[in-house]
Amino acid sequence: MATMKIFRLLPHRAGAHWGHSQNHGEVIVRARSSGEARFVAAHAEAALAHLAGERWFELAASAFRNPLLYRVIRDATGRYEQAGAAQVVSGMARKAAAARRFSIGETGTGWTLA
């Protein structure tokens, strides 16, 4: 398994860029790269929307994918385990991810909802 890193996805201040996007607050993600961290958070947001009964969710419109809405920085606190699959480890999507058994495939190119 590839070496994983911990990333913090932090929302920028509210402003004109937010439009209809939802601010989920700070989200902590285990991933191989900052890009994968955005990918994991966006898919977990989709799982959360599904649990909330939303029938339509556009991944491309996820706030996590937009650098004007969320910035991504490496977490150096050591509070989170680096070993394991790419996933949300803390934040808004953690509950949805656990409930739906959300995970990234070994190649990092897909995700499953069990």
Protein backbone atom coordinates (compact mmCIF):
# COMPACT_ATOMS: atom_id res chain seq x y z
CA MET A 1 0.00 0.00 0.00
CA ALA A 2 1.27 3.48 -0.86
CA THR A 3 2.35 5.86 1.87
CA MET A 4 -0.58 7.97 2.96
CA LYS A 5 -0.60 11.54 4.19
CA ILE A 6 -3.10 13.49 6.23
CA PHE A 7 -4.63 16.61 4.69
CA ARG A 8 -6.79 19.36 6.15
CA LEU A 9 -9.43 20.82 3.84
CA LEU A 10 -10.20 24.28 5.14
CA PRO A 11 -12.96 26.55 3.83
CA HIS A 12 -12.08 30.05 2.70
CA ARG A 13 -14.13 32.90 4.10
CA ALA A 14 -17.67 33.27 2.84
CA GLY A 15 -17.85 35.37 -0.28
CA ALA A 16 -19.11 35.62 -3.81
CA HIS A 17 -17.49 32.32 -4.83
CA TRP A 18 -19.68 30.20 -2.54
CA GLY A 19 -22.93 30.71 -4.47
CA HIS A 20 -25.01 27.56 -3.90
CA SER A 21 -22.14 25.46 -2.52
CA GLN A 22 -22.35 24.23 1.05
CA ASN A 23 -19.61 25.00 3.57
CA HIS A 24 -18.96 21.80 5.54
CA GLY A 25 -16.30 23.28 7.77
CA GLU A 26 -12.89 21.69 8.24
CA VAL A 27 -12.51 18.14 6.95
CA ILE A 28 -9.53 15.84 7.61
CA VAL A 29 -8.70 13.30 4.89
CA ARG A 30 -6.15 10.47 4.57
CA ALA A 31 -4.88 10.35 0.97
CA ARG A 32 -1.79 10.03 -1.21
CA SER A 33 -2.01 13.60 -2.56
CA SER A 34 -3.92 16.83 -2.13
CA GLY A 35 -5.82 16.05 -5.33
CA GLU A 36 -6.90 12.68 -3.99
CA ALA A 37 -7.92 14.38 -0.72
CA ARG A 38 -10.28 16.66 -2.69
CA PHE A 39 -11.59 13.61 -4.61
CA VAL A 40 -12.27 11.63 -1.42
CA ALA A 41 -14.03 14.57 0.28
CA ALA A 42 -16.21 15.25 -2.78
CA HIS A 43 -17.32 11.63 -2.97
CA ALA A 44 -18.04 11.53 0.75
CA GLU A 45 -20.11 14.70 0.29
CA ALA A 46 -22.06 12.86 -2.43
CA ALA A 47 -22.68 9.97 -0.01
CA LEU A 48 -23.92 12.44 2.60
CA ALA A 49 -26.26 14.04 0.05
CA HIS A 50 -27.58 10.59 -0.84
CA LEU A 51 -28.25 9.79 2.82
CA ALA A 52 -30.11 13.11 3.12
CA GLY A 53 -32.42 11.98 0.33
CA GLU A 54 -31.05 14.18 -2.43
CA ARG A 55 -31.58 12.53 -5.79
CA TRP A 56 -29.08 14.62 -7.71
CA PHE A 57 -25.56 15.61 -6.74
CA GLU A 58 -23.01 16.92 -9.23
CA LEU A 59 -19.49 15.91 -8.17
CA ALA A 60 -17.97 18.61 -10.36
CA ALA A 61 -19.90 21.19 -8.32
CA SER A 62 -18.57 20.00 -4.96
CA ALA A 63 -17.03 22.79 -2.90
CA PHE A 64 -14.12 20.47 -2.09
CA ARG A 65 -13.01 20.44 -5.73
CA ASN A 66 -12.89 24.24 -5.97
CA PRO A 67 -9.64 25.88 -4.76
CA LEU A 68 -11.52 29.19 -4.39
CA LEU A 69 -13.72 27.57 -1.74
CA TYR A 70 -11.45 25.07 0.03
CA ARG A 71 -7.71 25.08 0.50
CA VAL A 72 -5.76 21.90 1.22
CA ILE A 73 -2.78 21.75 3.57
CA ARG A 74 -0.75 18.89 5.02
CA ASP A 75 -1.56 18.07 8.64
CA ALA A 76 1.57 17.87 10.75
CA THR A 77 -0.05 17.38 14.16
CA GLY A 78 0.38 13.60 14.21
CA ARG A 79 -3.13 13.20 15.67
CA TYR A 80 -4.39 11.02 12.82
CA GLU A 81 -3.25 7.58 11.72
CA GLN A 82 -1.49 7.60 8.35
CA ALA A 83 -1.90 3.86 7.77
CA GLY A 84 -5.05 2.75 6.03
CA ALA A 85 -7.23 3.43 3.04
CA ALA A 86 -7.88 6.86 1.57
CA GLN A 87 -10.86 8.22 3.50
CA VAL A 88 -12.33 11.05 5.50
CA VAL A 89 -11.02 10.65 9.06
CA SER A 90 -12.73 13.65 10.64
CA GLY A 91 -15.33 16.20 9.65
CA MET A 92 -18.72 16.46 8.01
CA ALA A 93 -18.53 13.43 5.80
CA ARG A 94 -17.13 10.97 8.36
CA LYS A 95 -20.57 9.87 9.52
CA ALA A 96 -21.85 9.39 5.97
CA ALA A 97 -18.67 7.63 4.90
CA ALA A 98 -18.91 5.15 7.76
CA ALA A 99 -22.63 4.61 7.28
CA ARG A 100 -22.24 3.85 3.59
CA ARG A 101 -18.88 2.03 3.83
CA PHE A 102 -17.33 4.54 1.47
CA SER A 103 -13.84 3.68 0.30
CA ILE A 104 -11.39 4.42 -2.46
CA GLY A 105 -10.21 1.49 -4.55
CA GLU A 106 -6.55 0.44 -4.45
CA THR A 107 -5.85 2.32 -7.66
CA GLY A 108 -7.47 5.45 -6.32
CA THR A 109 -9.59 5.69 -9.47
CA GLY A 110 -12.90 4.49 -8.10
CA TRP A 111 -15.06 4.38 -5.04
CA THR A 112 -17.65 2.01 -3.74
CA LEU A 113 -20.75 2.26 -1.66
CA ALA A 114 -21.32 -1.14 -0.09
